[in-house]
């Protein structure tokens, strides 16, 4: 049995795919897994770590602006379809799982041309363009949130599974059991590629207030800003861990008490799954404003504070972090509220749908 994942571009699309692939291998050790994506460093590193094969596929995003900006897009997509179709035929692939985003489009339509069954998973509360398009033609569609159902069209079977990036209950319990009774730990993360605004504001916050409130600060900057952030914060010592990307996020999440992050779907899912109170700064230019919609779900239940990027500064951040870190009762209430949103069996449930579709022998093709 071979399962192909069309996923990449950002961690929000890629991390849930890795979680499902891991569950597929757990249920069927003989299954072969192939990832098709952009070939970015974090994709290659994750696949290497898990033992999954990766194939870079040509594609490109729909660019805002003039027609000229998208002139090469049809060529990129066509080349991606040709290359992915050739590989799907060679491997006799039995099912393709699309995690949305522009990198998924060529492999997805290759699969449909070849009548290979497909599963589309949408991570956000507001489906992206790729997921909306693919849902018209997919065999099955899995959603993280029921609110996304109204945006799905076509005859596909639709189910709400949650986001596969959610940790299992066992992971969360084990992490809490191992956790030492020390000080508080802070996570700062602007997504897999980092966020300049978060990097600047949090750096200023730490330089002004120091680290007295925190035992450790885990600061994921992205590749571009890592050097200058690391240099500016070097005077604060080893308690501030600055990295372009953390590959051991599950281990880190088990230590975290408070987070300052963007509001991508996978980040929201992980914060909920681990029960972490947060200050969320949604990316204001996300497609359809989906990051703000994701963030508002947590704020509505009392699990997070949402700050618009234009109003985000280090003094406001200091006030919010003081309110969370300095009030154990408030912190516990926010943690419990976040946990109530979690669907801990999401990765397993999506994996079972994929395996059932593959074992059906193409009975739902067409």
Protein backbone atom coordinates (compact mmCIF):
# COMPACT_ATOMS: atom_id res chain seq x y z
CA UNK A 1 0.00 0.00 0.00
CA UNK A 2 1.28 3.45 -0.90
CA UNK A 3 -0.15 6.70 0.45
CA UNK A 4 0.87 10.06 -1.03
CA UNK A 5 0.66 13.32 0.90
CA UNK A 6 0.39 16.61 -1.01
CA UNK A 7 1.58 19.03 1.65
CA UNK A 8 4.10 21.78 2.19
CA UNK A 9 4.92 25.44 1.92
CA UNK A 10 4.19 26.14 5.60
CA UNK A 11 4.28 24.12 8.79
CA UNK A 12 0.53 24.65 9.12
CA UNK A 13 -0.05 22.35 6.16
CA UNK A 14 2.92 20.06 6.68
CA UNK A 15 2.90 19.23 10.39
CA UNK A 16 -0.63 17.74 10.39
CA UNK A 17 0.34 15.62 7.38
CA UNK A 18 3.34 14.21 9.27
CA UNK A 19 1.04 13.34 12.18
CA UNK A 20 -1.36 11.43 9.92
CA UNK A 21 1.50 9.66 8.14
CA UNK A 22 2.91 8.59 11.49
CA UNK A 23 -0.47 7.10 12.47
CA UNK A 24 -0.73 5.29 9.13
CA UNK A 25 2.65 3.65 9.69
CA UNK A 26 1.64 2.74 13.23
CA UNK A 27 -1.51 1.03 11.98
CA UNK A 28 0.12 -0.50 8.90
CA UNK A 29 3.93 -0.78 9.24
CA UNK A 30 4.17 -2.05 5.66
CA UNK A 31 2.59 1.05 4.16
CA UNK A 32 4.82 3.21 1.96
CA UNK A 33 4.54 6.97 2.42
CA UNK A 34 5.57 9.60 -0.12
CA UNK A 35 5.38 13.36 0.42
CA UNK A 36 5.03 15.78 -2.49
CA UNK A 37 5.78 19.39 -1.59
CA UNK A 38 7.93 22.45 -2.15
CA UNK A 39 11.22 20.97 -0.99
CA UNK A 40 11.73 23.58 1.73
CA UNK A 41 14.33 22.74 4.35
CA UNK A 42 11.88 22.00 7.16
CA UNK A 43 9.93 19.59 4.90
CA UNK A 44 13.07 17.65 3.99
CA UNK A 45 14.30 17.54 7.58
CA UNK A 46 10.96 16.30 8.94
CA UNK A 47 10.67 13.59 6.27
CA UNK A 48 14.25 12.49 6.88
CA UNK A 49 13.61 12.26 10.62
CA UNK A 50 10.45 10.17 10.14
CA UNK A 51 11.86 8.02 7.33
CA UNK A 52 9.42 9.26 4.68
CA UNK A 53 10.38 9.88 1.07
CA UNK A 54 9.97 13.41 -0.29
CA UNK A 55 9.57 14.65 -3.87
CA UNK A 56 9.74 18.30 -4.84
CA UNK A 57 6.89 19.29 -7.17
CA UNK A 58 6.72 22.53 -9.22
CA UNK A 59 3.88 24.83 -8.18
CA UNK A 60 3.28 28.39 -7.14
CA UNK A 61 0.86 30.58 -5.18
CA UNK A 62 -1.78 32.79 -6.74
CA UNK A 63 -0.02 36.15 -6.49
CA UNK A 64 -1.90 39.34 -5.71
CA UNK A 65 -1.33 42.13 -8.18
CA UNK A 66 -1.17 42.27 -11.94
CA UNK A 67 -1.82 39.51 -14.46
CA UNK A 68 1.91 39.55 -15.22
CA UNK A 69 2.64 38.42 -11.66
CA UNK A 70 0.78 35.16 -12.40
CA UNK A 71 1.96 34.73 -15.98
CA UNK A 72 4.05 31.64 -15.19
CA UNK A 73 1.55 30.09 -12.79
CA UNK A 74 -0.23 27.87 -15.40
CA UNK A 75 3.16 26.60 -16.56
CA UNK A 76 4.24 25.81 -12.99
CA UNK A 77 0.99 23.96 -12.26
CA UNK A 78 1.15 22.03 -15.55
CA UNK A 79 4.73 20.94 -14.89
CA UNK A 80 3.70 19.89 -11.38
CA UNK A 81 0.82 17.81 -12.74
CA UNK A 82 3.08 16.09 -15.29
CA UNK A 83 5.77 15.24 -12.73
CA UNK A 84 3.40 14.10 -10.00
CA UNK A 85 1.30 12.05 -12.47
CA UNK A 86 4.40 10.20 -13.65
CA UNK A 87 5.36 9.33 -10.07
CA UNK A 88 1.84 8.30 -9.06
CA UNK A 89 1.72 5.89 -12.00
CA UNK A 90 5.19 4.47 -11.29
CA UNK A 91 4.38 3.90 -7.62
CA UNK A 92 0.86 2.56 -8.24
CA UNK A 93 -0.34 4.91 -5.51
CA UNK A 94 -3.62 3.94 -3.89
CA UNK A 95 -4.76 7.14 -2.18
CA UNK A 96 -3.66 10.78 -2.06
CA UNK A 97 -4.10 13.04 0.96
CA UNK A 98 -4.17 16.79 0.27
CA UNK A 99 -3.55 19.16 3.16
CA UNK A 100 -4.51 22.25 1.13
CA UNK A 101 -2.36 25.21 0.13
CA UNK A 102 -0.94 25.86 -3.33
CA UNK A 103 1.65 22.99 -3.23
CA UNK A 104 -1.20 20.46 -3.04
CA UNK A 105 -2.89 21.50 -6.30
CA UNK A 106 -0.76 19.70 -8.94
CA UNK A 107 -0.58 16.34 -7.06
CA UNK A 108 -4.28 16.50 -6.21
CA UNK A 109 -5.42 16.99 -9.79
CA UNK A 110 -2.94 14.37 -10.98
CA UNK A 111 -4.63 11.91 -8.64
CA UNK A 112 -8.10 12.82 -9.88
CA UNK A 113 -7.03 12.53 -13.54
CA UNK A 114 -5.72 9.04 -12.71
CA UNK A 115 -8.91 8.19 -10.74
CA UNK A 116 -6.98 7.74 -7.51
CA UNK A 117 -9.17 8.34 -4.43
CA UNK A 118 -8.41 11.52 -2.50
CA UNK A 119 -8.88 12.89 1.00
CA UNK A 120 -8.72 16.66 1.52
CA UNK A 121 -8.01 17.97 5.00
CA UNK A 122 -8.69 21.63 5.86
CA UNK A 123 -6.99 22.94 8.99
CA UNK A 124 -8.56 26.40 9.26
CA UNK A 125 -11.91 27.67 10.46
CA UNK A 126 -12.19 29.36 7.06
CA UNK A 127 -11.12 27.05 4.18
CA UNK A 128 -8.44 28.30 1.82
CA UNK A 129 -8.74 28.63 -1.95
CA UNK A 130 -7.04 25.29 -2.69
CA UNK A 131 -9.27 23.35 -0.28
CA UNK A 132 -12.44 24.98 -1.64
CA UNK A 133 -11.43 24.06 -5.18
CA UNK A 134 -10.33 20.53 -4.36
CA UNK A 135 -13.43 19.78 -2.30
CA UNK A 136 -15.52 19.89 -5.50
CA UNK A 137 -13.65 16.87 -6.83
CA UNK A 138 -12.45 14.97 -3.76
CA UNK A 139 -13.66 11.60 -2.53
CA UNK A 140 -13.68 12.70 1.10
CA UNK A 141 -13.16 15.98 2.98
CA UNK A 142 -12.05 16.22 6.62
CA UNK A 143 -12.44 19.47 8.56
CA UNK A 144 -10.85 20.74 11.74
CA UNK A 145 -13.88 22.85 12.65
CA UNK A 146 -17.58 22.51 11.90
CA UNK A 147 -17.70 26.21 10.97
CA UNK A 148 -15.83 25.35 7.75
CA UNK A 149 -18.59 23.01 6.53
CA UNK A 150 -20.65 25.80 4.92
CA UNK A 151 -17.76 26.61 2.57
CA UNK A 152 -17.44 23.07 1.21
CA UNK A 153 -19.20 22.24 -2.05
CA UNK A 154 -19.50 19.12 -4.15
CA UNK A 155 -20.55 15.54 -3.44
CA UNK A 156 -17.63 14.49 -1.21
CA UNK A 157 -18.30 12.85 2.13
CA UNK A 158 -17.58 15.55 4.74
CA UNK A 159 -16.63 14.89 8.36
CA UNK A 160 -15.23 16.96 11.23
CA UNK A 161 -12.16 15.17 12.58
CA UNK A 162 -10.23 18.01 14.18
CA UNK A 163 -6.66 18.93 13.25
CA UNK A 164 -4.15 16.03 13.21
CA UNK A 165 -1.51 18.28 14.79
CA UNK A 166 -3.36 17.84 18.11
CA UNK A 167 -1.22 15.78 20.52
CA UNK A 168 -2.66 12.58 21.95
CA UNK A 169 -4.07 12.54 25.47
CA UNK A 170 -1.28 10.16 26.44
CA UNK A 171 1.39 12.63 25.27
CA UNK A 172 -0.12 15.47 27.27
CA UNK A 173 -0.49 13.39 30.44
CA UNK A 174 3.07 12.05 30.14
CA UNK A 175 4.50 15.54 29.62
CA UNK A 176 2.71 16.86 32.69
CA UNK A 177 3.93 13.90 34.72
CA UNK A 178 7.55 14.58 33.76
CA UNK A 179 7.30 18.33 34.22
CA UNK A 180 9.40 19.60 37.11
CA UNK A 181 8.02 22.18 39.50
CA UNK A 182 10.16 25.06 38.36
CA UNK A 183 9.44 28.51 36.98
CA UNK A 184 7.31 29.41 33.98
CA UNK A 185 8.37 28.81 30.37
CA UNK A 186 7.44 31.08 27.46
CA UNK A 187 7.15 30.15 23.77
CA UNK A 188 7.47 32.79 21.04
CA UNK A 189 6.70 31.63 17.53
CA UNK A 190 5.73 33.44 14.35
CA UNK A 191 5.05 30.29 12.35
CA UNK A 192 7.50 28.02 10.54
CA UNK A 193 9.00 30.96 8.62
CA UNK A 194 8.96 33.44 11.49
CA UNK A 195 7.29 36.86 11.72
CA UNK A 196 9.26 40.12 11.72
CA UNK A 197 6.71 41.97 13.86
CA UNK A 198 6.74 39.33 16.60
CA UNK A 199 10.51 39.10 16.51
CA UNK A 200 10.95 42.86 16.96
CA UNK A 201 8.29 43.33 19.64
CA UNK A 202 9.30 40.32 21.74
CA UNK A 203 12.99 41.23 21.48
CA UNK A 204 12.20 44.72 22.78
CA UNK A 205 10.03 43.23 25.54
CA UNK A 206 12.81 40.92 26.72
CA UNK A 207 15.48 43.64 26.57
CA UNK A 208 13.31 45.99 28.65
CA UNK A 209 11.89 43.56 31.22
CA UNK A 210 14.54 40.85 31.32
CA UNK A 211 13.77 37.21 32.04
CA UNK A 212 12.92 37.33 35.74
CA UNK A 213 9.38 36.12 35.03
CA UNK A 214 10.58 33.14 33.00
CA UNK A 215 12.70 30.09 33.68
CA UNK A 216 13.18 29.66 29.93
CA UNK A 217 12.11 31.45 26.75
CA UNK A 218 11.90 29.37 23.57
CA UNK A 219 12.09 31.84 20.69
CA UNK A 220 11.51 30.55 17.13
CA UNK A 221 12.48 33.37 14.79
CA UNK A 222 12.48 31.87 11.30
CA UNK A 223 15.65 31.78 9.22
CA UNK A 224 15.79 35.43 8.07
CA UNK A 225 15.77 37.14 11.49
CA UNK A 226 17.59 34.55 13.54
CA UNK A 227 21.05 36.08 13.54
CA UNK A 228 20.12 39.58 14.70
CA UNK A 229 17.63 38.34 17.31
CA UNK A 230 20.21 35.92 18.70
CA UNK A 231 22.84 38.67 18.83
CA UNK A 232 20.58 41.20 20.59
CA UNK A 233 19.41 38.70 23.21
CA UNK A 234 22.79 37.08 23.86
CA UNK A 235 23.27 39.26 26.95
CA UNK A 236 20.29 37.57 28.63
CA UNK A 237 22.11 34.26 28.89
CA UNK A 238 21.19 30.65 28.25
CA UNK A 239 17.62 30.99 29.52
CA UNK A 240 16.62 32.46 26.12
CA UNK A 241 16.87 29.75 23.44
CA UNK A 242 16.80 31.38 20.00
CA UNK A 243 16.47 29.11 16.96
CA UNK A 244 15.26 29.58 13.37
CA UNK A 245 13.07 26.48 13.71
CA UNK A 246 12.49 23.95 16.49
CA UNK A 247 12.29 20.37 15.23
CA UNK A 248 11.39 19.00 18.67
CA UNK A 249 8.18 21.00 19.10
CA UNK A 250 6.24 18.24 20.84
CA UNK A 251 8.91 18.06 23.52
CA UNK A 252 8.94 21.86 23.87
CA UNK A 253 5.15 22.18 24.05
CA UNK A 254 5.21 19.83 27.02
CA UNK A 255 7.24 22.44 28.95
CA UNK A 256 5.40 25.62 27.93
CA UNK A 257 3.14 27.66 30.25
CA UNK A 258 2.40 30.70 28.06
CA UNK A 259 2.79 31.42 24.33
CA UNK A 260 3.03 34.46 22.05
CA UNK A 261 2.28 33.37 18.49
CA UNK A 262 0.60 33.91 15.16
CA UNK A 263 -2.77 32.21 14.71
CA UNK A 264 -2.18 29.67 11.98
CA UNK A 265 -4.38 26.59 12.15
CA UNK A 266 -1.70 24.21 13.36
CA UNK A 267 -0.48 26.63 16.04
CA UNK A 268 -4.04 27.09 17.33
CA UNK A 269 -4.50 23.32 17.35
CA UNK A 270 -1.27 22.70 19.26
CA UNK A 271 -2.03 25.40 21.83
CA UNK A 272 -5.46 23.86 22.41
CA UNK A 273 -4.14 20.32 22.55
CA UNK A 274 -1.49 21.17 25.12
CA UNK A 275 -3.77 23.59 27.02
CA UNK A 276 -1.47 26.60 26.69
CA UNK A 277 -2.74 30.17 27.39
CA UNK A 278 -1.68 32.54 24.63
CA UNK A 279 -1.34 36.04 23.29
CA UNK A 280 -2.25 35.75 19.59
CA UNK A 281 -1.28 38.20 16.85
CA UNK A 282 -3.07 37.06 13.66
CA UNK A 283 -1.34 37.69 10.36
CA UNK A 284 -3.52 40.48 8.92
CA UNK A 285 -3.06 39.43 5.28
CA UNK A 286 -4.00 35.77 5.60
CA UNK A 287 -6.40 34.51 2.92
CA UNK A 288 -9.99 35.30 3.88
CA UNK A 289 -8.77 36.58 7.25
CA UNK A 290 -8.59 32.98 8.41
CA UNK A 291 -5.95 33.63 11.09
CA UNK A 292 -8.17 36.18 12.82
CA UNK A 293 -11.09 33.72 12.72
CA UNK A 294 -8.85 31.01 14.17
CA UNK A 295 -7.69 33.33 16.95
CA UNK A 296 -11.17 34.56 17.83
CA UNK A 297 -12.27 30.98 18.58
CA UNK A 298 -9.73 30.84 21.40
CA UNK A 299 -10.48 34.31 22.68
CA UNK A 300 -14.21 33.61 22.67
CA UNK A 301 -13.82 30.69 25.09
CA UNK A 302 -11.34 32.59 27.30
CA UNK A 303 -8.19 30.74 26.22
CA UNK A 304 -6.28 33.65 24.65
CA UNK A 305 -5.90 37.38 24.18
CA UNK A 306 -6.02 38.55 20.57
CA UNK A 307 -4.08 41.67 19.54
CA UNK A 308 -4.22 43.17 16.06
CA UNK A 309 -0.79 43.54 14.52
CA UNK A 310 -1.16 47.31 14.14
CA UNK A 311 -1.71 47.62 17.91
CA UNK A 312 0.99 45.19 18.98
CA UNK A 313 3.93 46.68 20.90
CA UNK A 314 6.25 45.56 23.69
CA UNK A 315 4.50 47.53 26.45
CA UNK A 316 1.11 46.05 25.64
CA UNK A 317 2.69 42.63 25.46
CA UNK A 318 4.27 43.16 28.89
CA UNK A 319 0.87 44.01 30.41
CA UNK A 320 -0.79 40.91 28.95
CA UNK A 321 2.03 38.56 29.93
CA UNK A 322 2.07 39.99 33.46
CA UNK A 323 -1.66 39.31 33.71
CA UNK A 324 -1.23 35.68 32.64
CA UNK A 325 2.08 34.83 34.29
CA UNK A 326 1.32 36.68 37.51
CA UNK A 327 -2.08 35.10 38.13
CA UNK A 328 -2.03 31.33 38.57
CA UNK A 329 -5.83 31.10 38.77
CA UNK A 330 -6.27 33.03 35.52
CA UNK A 331 -3.60 30.91 33.86
CA UNK A 332 -5.33 27.69 34.94
CA UNK A 333 -8.70 28.94 33.68
CA UNK A 334 -7.23 29.82 30.27
CA UNK A 335 -5.48 26.46 30.06
CA UNK A 336 -8.69 24.57 30.81
CA UNK A 337 -10.60 26.65 28.25
CA UNK A 338 -8.03 25.87 25.55
CA UNK A 339 -8.10 22.16 26.35
CA UNK A 340 -11.86 21.97 25.86
CA UNK A 341 -11.37 22.75 22.15
CA UNK A 342 -8.95 19.89 21.56
CA UNK A 343 -9.75 16.76 19.53
CA UNK A 344 -6.98 14.43 20.64
CA UNK A 345 -7.85 11.57 18.26
CA UNK A 346 -7.73 13.67 15.08
CA UNK A 347 -4.59 12.16 13.55
CA UNK A 348 -5.81 8.61 14.18
CA UNK A 349 -9.28 9.36 12.81
CA UNK A 350 -7.93 10.87 9.57
CA UNK A 351 -5.46 7.99 9.20
CA UNK A 352 -8.28 5.45 9.52
CA UNK A 353 -10.26 7.20 6.79
CA UNK A 354 -7.21 7.11 4.51
CA UNK A 355 -6.55 3.43 5.22
CA UNK A 356 -10.19 2.48 4.70
CA UNK A 357 -10.24 4.31 1.38
CA UNK A 358 -7.04 2.60 0.25
CA UNK A 359 -8.27 -0.86 1.31
CA UNK A 360 -11.52 -0.32 -0.55
CA UNK A 361 -9.49 -0.87 -3.70
CA UNK A 362 -10.70 2.23 -5.48
CA UNK A 363 -14.37 1.49 -4.97
CA UNK A 364 -15.05 5.20 -4.55
CA UNK A 365 -13.03 6.37 -7.53
CA UNK A 366 -14.39 8.63 -10.17
